[in-house]
Amino acid sequence: MKAYMTNGTVEFLLKLRKKNPEINLHLMHNSAGGIAYYENHEKKLFQSGREYEILMQTGDILEEGFVVMNNIPVSDESKPGFEYRFKNRTNSVEGMPGFQAFRLLRPTKSNTYVVFTQWESAKDFENWKESEQFKEAHKNQSSKKPANFLERPFLTICNMYTEEED
């Protein structure tokens, strides 16, 4: 299954959603602007968007929530090991209060994977980060840049965009 993502102004992305009602286009926003995301549709909406293969998924992406995307650049030779570690993880995040959805996205034209998680609230995500389950899931990671990463991973944090009623 494929996933597609692009950035733009919320106004532009809302127009795009109105022009394509057959596509379940999820809109998110943060201080940098808007992000649009959709899955498993043949029609490509984005001229300059990013395309991914969905390697793993849990839960449905909901119209309300808090989204954290961990963007992880991985070298070509390290991709199999990176994917293997995810596929053999304990899945403890799914049992956390406030968890809504998870996606592991493999890029089709770059080296930056996206670990997409959606939560009911920012507090739920913070509780996950402070949990024993988080410590166990991340115990073998070091704080310095690993050799298999091309550059430091970075987070994209946003809220689902909900249109306000008049």
N, C-alpha and C. Protein backbone atom coordinates (compact mmCIF):
# COMPACT_ATOMS: atom_id res chain seq x y z
N MET A 1 0.84 -1.16 0.00
CA MET A 1 0.00 0.00 0.00
C MET A 1 0.90 1.24 0.00
N LYS A 2 0.42 2.31 -0.62
CA LYS A 2 1.17 3.55 -0.73
C LYS A 2 0.57 4.64 0.17
N ALA A 3 1.43 5.59 0.53
CA ALA A 3 1.00 6.80 1.25
C ALA A 3 1.65 7.98 0.56
N TYR A 4 0.97 9.12 0.59
CA TYR A 4 1.46 10.33 -0.06
C TYR A 4 1.34 11.50 0.92
N MET A 5 2.32 12.39 0.86
CA MET A 5 2.35 13.52 1.79
C MET A 5 2.92 14.75 1.08
N THR A 6 2.39 15.92 1.43
CA THR A 6 2.95 17.16 0.93
C THR A 6 2.73 18.26 1.95
N ASN A 7 3.47 19.34 1.79
CA ASN A 7 3.33 20.52 2.65
C ASN A 7 2.74 21.66 1.83
N GLY A 8 2.09 22.58 2.51
CA GLY A 8 1.53 23.76 1.86
C GLY A 8 0.75 24.57 2.87
N THR A 9 0.15 25.65 2.40
CA THR A 9 -0.70 26.42 3.31
C THR A 9 -1.98 25.63 3.55
N VAL A 10 -2.57 25.82 4.70
CA VAL A 10 -3.82 25.14 5.01
C VAL A 10 -4.89 25.51 3.98
N GLU A 11 -4.92 26.79 3.57
CA GLU A 11 -5.91 27.25 2.59
C GLU A 11 -5.78 26.48 1.28
N PHE A 12 -4.53 26.31 0.79
CA PHE A 12 -4.30 25.57 -0.45
C PHE A 12 -4.72 24.12 -0.29
N LEU A 13 -4.35 23.51 0.83
CA LEU A 13 -4.67 22.10 1.05
C LEU A 13 -6.17 21.87 1.20
N LEU A 14 -6.89 22.84 1.78
CA LEU A 14 -8.35 22.74 1.87
C LEU A 14 -8.98 22.77 0.48
N LYS A 15 -8.46 23.62 -0.40
CA LYS A 15 -8.96 23.67 -1.79
C LYS A 15 -8.70 22.34 -2.49
N LEU A 16 -7.53 21.78 -2.27
CA LEU A 16 -7.18 20.49 -2.86
C LEU A 16 -8.15 19.40 -2.39
N ARG A 17 -8.49 19.43 -1.10
CA ARG A 17 -9.43 18.45 -0.56
C ARG A 17 -10.81 18.62 -1.17
N LYS A 18 -11.25 19.87 -1.35
CA LYS A 18 -12.57 20.11 -1.94
C LYS A 18 -12.64 19.66 -3.39
N LYS A 19 -11.52 19.79 -4.12
CA LYS A 19 -11.49 19.39 -5.53
C LYS A 19 -11.42 17.88 -5.69
N ASN A 20 -11.07 17.16 -4.63
CA ASN A 20 -10.89 15.71 -4.70
C ASN A 20 -11.65 15.02 -3.56
N PRO A 21 -12.97 15.13 -3.54
CA PRO A 21 -13.73 14.57 -2.40
C PRO A 21 -13.67 13.05 -2.30
N GLU A 22 -13.27 12.38 -3.38
CA GLU A 22 -13.20 10.92 -3.36
C GLU A 22 -11.98 10.40 -2.60
N ILE A 23 -11.06 11.31 -2.26
CA ILE A 23 -9.84 10.91 -1.55
C ILE A 23 -9.94 11.35 -0.09
N ASN A 24 -9.64 10.45 0.81
CA ASN A 24 -9.67 10.75 2.24
C ASN A 24 -8.36 11.48 2.60
N LEU A 25 -8.35 12.77 2.36
CA LEU A 25 -7.17 13.60 2.55
C LEU A 25 -7.15 14.12 3.99
N HIS A 26 -6.16 13.65 4.77
CA HIS A 26 -6.00 14.07 6.15
C HIS A 26 -5.16 15.34 6.18
N LEU A 27 -5.66 16.37 6.85
CA LEU A 27 -4.93 17.63 6.96
C LEU A 27 -4.42 17.83 8.37
N MET A 28 -3.16 18.26 8.45
CA MET A 28 -2.51 18.55 9.73
C MET A 28 -1.91 19.94 9.64
N HIS A 29 -1.63 20.53 10.80
CA HIS A 29 -1.00 21.85 10.78
C HIS A 29 -0.11 22.03 12.00
N ASN A 30 0.87 22.91 11.81
CA ASN A 30 1.74 23.35 12.90
C ASN A 30 2.19 24.76 12.58
N SER A 31 3.15 25.29 13.30
CA SER A 31 3.56 26.68 13.08
C SER A 31 4.21 26.89 11.72
N ALA A 32 4.67 25.83 11.07
CA ALA A 32 5.31 25.96 9.76
C ALA A 32 4.30 25.92 8.60
N GLY A 33 3.05 25.53 8.88
CA GLY A 33 2.05 25.47 7.83
C GLY A 33 1.24 24.19 7.89
N GLY A 34 0.78 23.75 6.71
CA GLY A 34 -0.08 22.58 6.64
C GLY A 34 0.62 21.38 6.02
N ILE A 35 0.10 20.20 6.33
CA ILE A 35 0.57 18.95 5.76
C ILE A 35 -0.67 18.16 5.35
N ALA A 36 -0.64 17.60 4.14
CA ALA A 36 -1.72 16.75 3.67
C ALA A 36 -1.18 15.33 3.51
N TYR A 37 -2.00 14.34 3.87
CA TYR A 37 -1.60 12.94 3.86
C TYR A 37 -2.78 12.09 3.39
N TYR A 38 -2.51 11.16 2.50
CA TYR A 38 -3.54 10.17 2.15
C TYR A 38 -2.87 8.85 1.80
N GLU A 39 -3.69 7.80 1.82
CA GLU A 39 -3.19 6.45 1.61
C GLU A 39 -3.96 5.73 0.52
N ASN A 40 -3.24 4.79 -0.16
CA ASN A 40 -3.83 3.76 -1.01
C ASN A 40 -4.83 4.27 -2.04
N HIS A 41 -4.44 5.24 -2.82
CA HIS A 41 -5.30 5.73 -3.88
C HIS A 41 -4.45 5.85 -5.13
N GLU A 42 -5.00 5.49 -6.25
CA GLU A 42 -4.23 5.50 -7.50
C GLU A 42 -3.90 6.91 -7.98
N LYS A 43 -4.79 7.84 -7.72
CA LYS A 43 -4.60 9.20 -8.22
C LYS A 43 -3.54 9.94 -7.40
N LYS A 44 -2.56 10.50 -8.10
CA LYS A 44 -1.54 11.29 -7.42
C LYS A 44 -1.97 12.75 -7.45
N LEU A 45 -2.16 13.31 -6.26
CA LEU A 45 -2.61 14.69 -6.15
C LEU A 45 -1.48 15.69 -6.13
N PHE A 46 -0.34 15.30 -5.62
CA PHE A 46 0.72 16.25 -5.30
C PHE A 46 1.78 16.28 -6.40
N GLN A 47 2.06 17.47 -6.91
CA GLN A 47 3.12 17.61 -7.91
C GLN A 47 4.50 17.50 -7.27
N SER A 48 4.63 18.03 -6.07
CA SER A 48 5.94 17.99 -5.40
C SER A 48 5.86 17.26 -4.06
N GLY A 49 4.98 16.28 -4.00
CA GLY A 49 4.81 15.55 -2.76
C GLY A 49 5.79 14.40 -2.60
N ARG A 50 5.65 13.72 -1.49
CA ARG A 50 6.50 12.57 -1.17
C ARG A 50 5.65 11.30 -1.22
N GLU A 51 6.25 10.24 -1.75
CA GLU A 51 5.55 8.96 -1.87
C GLU A 51 6.26 7.93 -0.99
N TYR A 52 5.46 7.10 -0.33
CA TYR A 52 5.99 6.08 0.59
C TYR A 52 5.28 4.76 0.37
N GLU A 53 5.96 3.70 0.74
CA GLU A 53 5.33 2.40 0.89
C GLU A 53 5.00 2.24 2.37
N ILE A 54 3.80 1.79 2.67
CA ILE A 54 3.43 1.55 4.07
C ILE A 54 3.90 0.14 4.42
N LEU A 55 4.93 0.05 5.24
CA LEU A 55 5.49 -1.25 5.62
C LEU A 55 4.73 -1.88 6.78
N MET A 56 4.27 -1.05 7.70
CA MET A 56 3.54 -1.53 8.87
C MET A 56 2.47 -0.50 9.20
N GLN A 57 1.34 -0.97 9.70
CA GLN A 57 0.30 -0.04 10.12
C GLN A 57 -0.56 -0.65 11.21
N THR A 58 -0.98 0.21 12.10
CA THR A 58 -1.89 -0.16 13.18
C THR A 58 -2.85 1.00 13.37
N GLY A 59 -4.11 0.72 13.53
CA GLY A 59 -5.11 1.74 13.80
C GLY A 59 -5.48 2.55 12.57
N ASP A 60 -6.54 3.32 12.72
CA ASP A 60 -7.00 4.21 11.66
C ASP A 60 -6.61 5.64 12.00
N ILE A 61 -6.18 6.38 10.99
CA ILE A 61 -5.87 7.79 11.19
C ILE A 61 -7.20 8.53 11.33
N LEU A 62 -7.34 9.23 12.44
CA LEU A 62 -8.59 9.91 12.76
C LEU A 62 -8.51 11.39 12.41
N GLU A 63 -9.66 12.01 12.30
CA GLU A 63 -9.72 13.43 11.92
C GLU A 63 -9.32 14.37 13.05
N GLU A 64 -9.27 13.87 14.27
CA GLU A 64 -8.82 14.69 15.39
C GLU A 64 -7.69 13.96 16.09
N GLY A 65 -6.71 14.73 16.52
CA GLY A 65 -5.60 14.12 17.25
C GLY A 65 -4.32 14.90 17.11
N PHE A 66 -3.29 14.36 17.73
CA PHE A 66 -1.95 14.94 17.78
C PHE A 66 -1.02 13.98 17.04
N VAL A 67 -0.23 14.49 16.09
CA VAL A 67 0.59 13.64 15.24
C VAL A 67 2.07 13.94 15.47
N VAL A 68 2.85 12.87 15.59
CA VAL A 68 4.30 12.97 15.69
C VAL A 68 4.88 12.10 14.57
N MET A 69 5.70 12.73 13.72
CA MET A 69 6.37 12.00 12.65
C MET A 69 7.87 12.07 12.91
N ASN A 70 8.46 10.91 13.17
CA ASN A 70 9.90 10.81 13.36
C ASN A 70 10.50 10.53 11.98
N ASN A 71 11.22 11.51 11.43
CA ASN A 71 11.84 11.41 10.11
C ASN A 71 13.26 10.91 10.29
N ILE A 72 13.54 9.70 9.77
CA ILE A 72 14.81 9.04 10.03
C ILE A 72 15.53 8.74 8.72
N PRO A 73 16.57 9.51 8.40
CA PRO A 73 17.37 9.20 7.20
C PRO A 73 18.23 7.96 7.45
N VAL A 74 18.12 6.96 6.56
CA VAL A 74 18.83 5.68 6.72
C VAL A 74 19.60 5.39 5.43
N SER A 75 20.84 4.98 5.56
CA SER A 75 21.65 4.66 4.39
C SER A 75 21.09 3.41 3.69
N ASP A 76 21.37 3.30 2.39
CA ASP A 76 20.84 2.17 1.61
C ASP A 76 21.23 0.82 2.20
N GLU A 77 22.48 0.68 2.59
CA GLU A 77 22.93 -0.62 3.11
C GLU A 77 22.34 -0.94 4.48
N SER A 78 21.81 0.05 5.18
CA SER A 78 21.26 -0.17 6.51
C SER A 78 19.74 -0.34 6.52
N LYS A 79 19.10 -0.14 5.37
CA LYS A 79 17.64 -0.24 5.32
C LYS A 79 17.10 -1.61 5.75
N PRO A 80 17.68 -2.73 5.28
CA PRO A 80 17.13 -4.04 5.72
C PRO A 80 17.17 -4.22 7.24
N GLY A 81 18.27 -3.84 7.87
CA GLY A 81 18.37 -3.97 9.33
C GLY A 81 17.41 -3.05 10.05
N PHE A 82 17.25 -1.84 9.56
CA PHE A 82 16.32 -0.88 10.15
C PHE A 82 14.90 -1.44 10.10
N GLU A 83 14.50 -1.93 8.94
CA GLU A 83 13.15 -2.48 8.78
C GLU A 83 12.96 -3.74 9.62
N TYR A 84 13.98 -4.57 9.71
CA TYR A 84 13.91 -5.78 10.51
C TYR A 84 13.65 -5.44 11.98
N ARG A 85 14.35 -4.44 12.50
CA ARG A 85 14.15 -4.06 13.91
C ARG A 85 12.72 -3.60 14.15
N PHE A 86 12.14 -2.85 13.22
CA PHE A 86 10.75 -2.41 13.39
C PHE A 86 9.79 -3.59 13.31
N LYS A 87 10.00 -4.45 12.36
CA LYS A 87 9.09 -5.59 12.19
C LYS A 87 9.14 -6.55 13.36
N ASN A 88 10.21 -6.53 14.13
CA ASN A 88 10.37 -7.43 15.28
C ASN A 88 10.28 -6.69 16.60
N ARG A 89 9.67 -5.55 16.60
CA ARG A 89 9.51 -4.76 17.84
C ARG A 89 8.40 -5.34 18.70
N THR A 90 8.28 -4.86 19.91
CA THR A 90 7.31 -5.42 20.86
C THR A 90 5.90 -4.87 20.68
N ASN A 91 5.72 -3.81 19.90
CA ASN A 91 4.40 -3.19 19.67
C ASN A 91 3.78 -2.62 20.93
N SER A 92 4.59 -2.23 21.89
CA SER A 92 4.06 -1.72 23.16
C SER A 92 3.35 -0.37 23.02
N VAL A 93 3.67 0.39 21.99
CA VAL A 93 3.04 1.70 21.82
C VAL A 93 1.53 1.56 21.61
N GLU A 94 1.12 0.50 20.93
CA GLU A 94 -0.30 0.33 20.61
C GLU A 94 -1.18 0.19 21.85
N GLY A 95 -0.61 -0.26 22.96
CA GLY A 95 -1.39 -0.43 24.18
C GLY A 95 -1.41 0.79 25.08
N MET A 96 -0.75 1.85 24.66
CA MET A 96 -0.68 3.05 25.51
C MET A 96 -1.99 3.84 25.46
N PRO A 97 -2.40 4.42 26.59
CA PRO A 97 -3.60 5.27 26.59
C PRO A 97 -3.42 6.43 25.62
N GLY A 98 -4.44 6.68 24.83
CA GLY A 98 -4.43 7.80 23.89
C GLY A 98 -3.85 7.46 22.52
N PHE A 99 -3.28 6.26 22.35
CA PHE A 99 -2.74 5.86 21.06
C PHE A 99 -3.88 5.71 20.06
N GLN A 100 -3.67 6.24 18.82
CA GLN A 100 -4.68 6.11 17.78
C GLN A 100 -4.19 5.34 16.55
N ALA A 101 -2.99 5.68 16.04
CA ALA A 101 -2.53 5.05 14.80
C ALA A 101 -1.01 5.08 14.72
N PHE A 102 -0.48 4.11 13.96
CA PHE A 102 0.95 3.99 13.70
C PHE A 102 1.15 3.62 12.25
N ARG A 103 2.16 4.21 11.59
CA ARG A 103 2.58 3.82 10.25
C ARG A 103 4.11 3.86 10.20
N LEU A 104 4.70 2.84 9.59
CA LEU A 104 6.11 2.89 9.22
C LEU A 104 6.13 3.09 7.71
N LEU A 105 6.66 4.23 7.28
CA LEU A 105 6.64 4.61 5.87
C LEU A 105 8.04 4.56 5.27
N ARG A 106 8.20 3.75 4.22
CA ARG A 106 9.48 3.65 3.50
C ARG A 106 9.42 4.59 2.29
N PRO A 107 10.38 5.50 2.17
CA PRO A 107 10.36 6.44 1.04
C PRO A 107 10.63 5.72 -0.28
N THR A 108 10.00 6.17 -1.35
CA THR A 108 10.26 5.58 -2.66
C THR A 108 11.36 6.33 -3.41
N LYS A 109 11.64 7.59 -3.02
CA LYS A 109 12.62 8.37 -3.77
C LYS A 109 13.64 9.09 -2.88
N SER A 110 13.76 8.68 -1.65
CA SER A 110 14.76 9.30 -0.77
C SER A 110 15.19 8.25 0.25
N ASN A 111 15.92 8.67 1.24
CA ASN A 111 16.37 7.76 2.30
C ASN A 111 15.74 8.06 3.65
N THR A 112 14.74 8.93 3.68
CA THR A 112 14.16 9.33 4.96
C THR A 112 12.85 8.59 5.21
N TYR A 113 12.92 7.62 6.11
CA TYR A 113 11.73 6.91 6.57
C TYR A 113 10.92 7.84 7.48
N VAL A 114 9.62 7.56 7.61
CA VAL A 114 8.78 8.30 8.54
C VAL A 114 8.09 7.30 9.46
N VAL A 115 8.27 7.51 10.76
CA VAL A 115 7.54 6.75 11.77
C VAL A 115 6.42 7.69 12.23
N PHE A 116 5.20 7.39 11.77
CA PHE A 116 4.03 8.24 11.98
C PHE A 116 3.22 7.67 13.14
N THR A 117 3.01 8.48 14.18
CA THR A 117 2.11 8.06 15.26
C THR A 117 1.08 9.16 15.49
N GLN A 118 -0.13 8.74 15.78
CA GLN A 118 -1.20 9.68 16.10
C GLN A 118 -1.72 9.36 17.50
N TRP A 119 -1.95 10.42 18.26
CA TRP A 119 -2.38 10.33 19.65
C TRP A 119 -3.61 11.19 19.85
N GLU A 120 -4.38 10.89 20.90
CA GLU A 120 -5.52 11.74 21.23
C GLU A 120 -5.06 13.14 21.60
N SER A 121 -3.91 13.23 22.29
CA SER A 121 -3.42 14.54 22.75
C SER A 121 -1.90 14.53 22.88
N ALA A 122 -1.34 15.73 22.98
CA ALA A 122 0.10 15.86 23.22
C ALA A 122 0.47 15.23 24.56
N LYS A 123 -0.40 15.32 25.54
CA LYS A 123 -0.14 14.73 26.85
C LYS A 123 0.00 13.21 26.74
N ASP A 124 -0.83 12.58 25.91
CA ASP A 124 -0.73 11.13 25.72
C ASP A 124 0.63 10.77 25.12
N PHE A 125 1.11 11.56 24.17
CA PHE A 125 2.43 11.30 23.59
C PHE A 125 3.52 11.48 24.64
N GLU A 126 3.43 12.53 25.45
CA GLU A 126 4.42 12.76 26.51
C GLU A 126 4.41 11.61 27.51
N ASN A 127 3.23 11.11 27.85
CA ASN A 127 3.13 9.96 28.76
C ASN A 127 3.83 8.74 28.16
N TRP A 128 3.69 8.53 26.84
CA TRP A 128 4.39 7.43 26.17
C TRP A 128 5.90 7.62 26.29
N LYS A 129 6.39 8.83 26.05
CA LYS A 129 7.83 9.09 26.11
C LYS A 129 8.40 8.87 27.51
N GLU A 130 7.58 9.06 28.54
CA GLU A 130 8.03 8.89 29.92
C GLU A 130 7.79 7.49 30.46
N SER A 131 7.20 6.62 29.66
CA SER A 131 6.80 5.28 30.13
C SER A 131 7.96 4.29 30.11
N GLU A 132 7.78 3.24 30.88
CA GLU A 132 8.74 2.13 30.87
C GLU A 132 8.74 1.43 29.51
N GLN A 133 7.58 1.38 28.86
CA GLN A 133 7.48 0.75 27.55
C GLN A 133 8.35 1.50 26.53
N PHE A 134 8.36 2.83 26.60
CA PHE A 134 9.19 3.64 25.70
C PHE A 134 10.67 3.36 25.96
N LYS A 135 11.04 3.35 27.24
CA LYS A 135 12.45 3.08 27.59
C LYS A 135 12.88 1.71 27.08
N GLU A 136 12.02 0.73 27.21
CA GLU A 136 12.34 -0.62 26.75
C GLU A 136 12.46 -0.66 25.21
N ALA A 137 11.54 0.03 24.53
CA ALA A 137 11.55 0.03 23.07
C ALA A 137 12.76 0.74 22.49
N HIS A 138 13.31 1.69 23.24
CA HIS A 138 14.43 2.50 22.73
C HIS A 138 15.74 2.25 23.47
N LYS A 139 15.84 1.16 24.20
CA LYS A 139 17.00 0.94 25.07
C LYS A 139 18.32 0.78 24.32
N ASN A 140 18.30 0.32 23.09
CA ASN A 140 19.54 0.10 22.36
C ASN A 140 19.92 1.25 21.44
N GLN A 141 19.23 2.39 21.58
CA GLN A 141 19.56 3.55 20.77
C GLN A 141 20.52 4.44 21.54
N SER A 142 21.46 5.00 20.82
CA SER A 142 22.40 5.92 21.46
C SER A 142 21.99 7.35 21.13
N SER A 143 22.48 8.30 21.91
CA SER A 143 22.15 9.70 21.67
C SER A 143 23.01 10.29 20.56
N LYS A 144 24.12 9.67 20.23
CA LYS A 144 24.93 10.17 19.12
C LYS A 144 24.42 9.59 17.82
N LYS A 145 24.82 10.20 16.72
CA LYS A 145 24.36 9.78 15.41
C LYS A 145 24.86 8.38 15.08
N PRO A 146 23.95 7.41 14.85
CA PRO A 146 24.38 6.06 14.49
C PRO A 146 25.02 6.04 13.10
N ALA A 147 25.87 5.08 12.85
CA ALA A 147 26.58 4.99 11.58
C ALA A 147 25.63 4.73 10.41
N ASN A 148 24.50 4.06 10.66
CA ASN A 148 23.59 3.75 9.56
C ASN A 148 22.68 4.93 9.20
N PHE A 149 22.67 5.99 10.00
CA PHE A 149 21.88 7.17 9.69
C PHE A 149 22.72 8.14 8.88
N LEU A 150 22.14 8.71 7.84
CA LEU A 150 22.85 9.67 7.01
C LEU A 150 22.98 11.01 7.70
N GLU A 151 22.00 11.37 8.48
CA GLU A 151 22.01 12.60 9.27
C GLU A 151 21.09 12.37 10.47
N ARG A 152 21.03 13.34 11.33
CA ARG A 152 20.21 13.18 12.54
C ARG A 152 18.72 13.09 12.19
N PRO A 153 18.02 12.17 12.84
CA PRO A 153 16.56 12.14 12.70
C PRO A 153 15.96 13.44 13.25
N PHE A 154 14.78 13.79 12.77
CA PHE A 154 14.10 14.98 13.26
C PHE A 154 12.61 14.71 13.36
N LEU A 155 11.96 15.45 14.25
CA LEU A 155 10.52 15.28 14.47
C LEU A 155 9.72 16.34 13.73
N THR A 156 8.58 15.93 13.22
CA THR A 156 7.55 16.85 12.73
C THR A 156 6.36 16.63 13.65
N ILE A 157 5.96 17.68 14.34
CA ILE A 157 4.86 17.58 15.31
C ILE A 157 3.74 18.50 14.86
N CYS A 158 2.52 17.96 14.83
CA CYS A 158 1.39 18.77 14.38
C CYS A 158 0.09 18.25 14.97
N ASN A 159 -0.94 19.01 14.76
CA ASN A 159 -2.29 18.63 15.15
C ASN A 159 -3.10 18.39 13.89
N MET A 160 -4.06 17.51 13.98
CA MET A 160 -4.98 17.32 12.86
C MET A 160 -5.75 18.62 12.70
N TYR A 161 -5.98 18.99 11.46
CA TYR A 161 -6.71 20.22 11.18
C TYR A 161 -8.20 19.92 11.15
N THR A 162 -8.95 20.66 11.95
CA THR A 162 -10.41 20.52 11.94
C THR A 162 -10.99 21.86 11.57
N GLU A 163 -11.88 21.85 10.59
CA GLU A 163 -12.52 23.10 10.16
C GLU A 163 -13.47 23.57 11.25
N GLU A 164 -13.32 24.82 11.59
CA GLU A 164 -14.17 25.39 12.64
C GLU A 164 -15.53 25.71 12.06
N GLU A 165 -16.56 25.43 12.84
CA GLU A 165 -17.92 25.74 12.38
C GLU A 165 -18.20 27.22 12.57
N ASP A 166 -18.98 27.77 11.64
CA ASP A 166 -19.32 29.21 11.72
C ASP A 166 -20.32 29.49 12.81
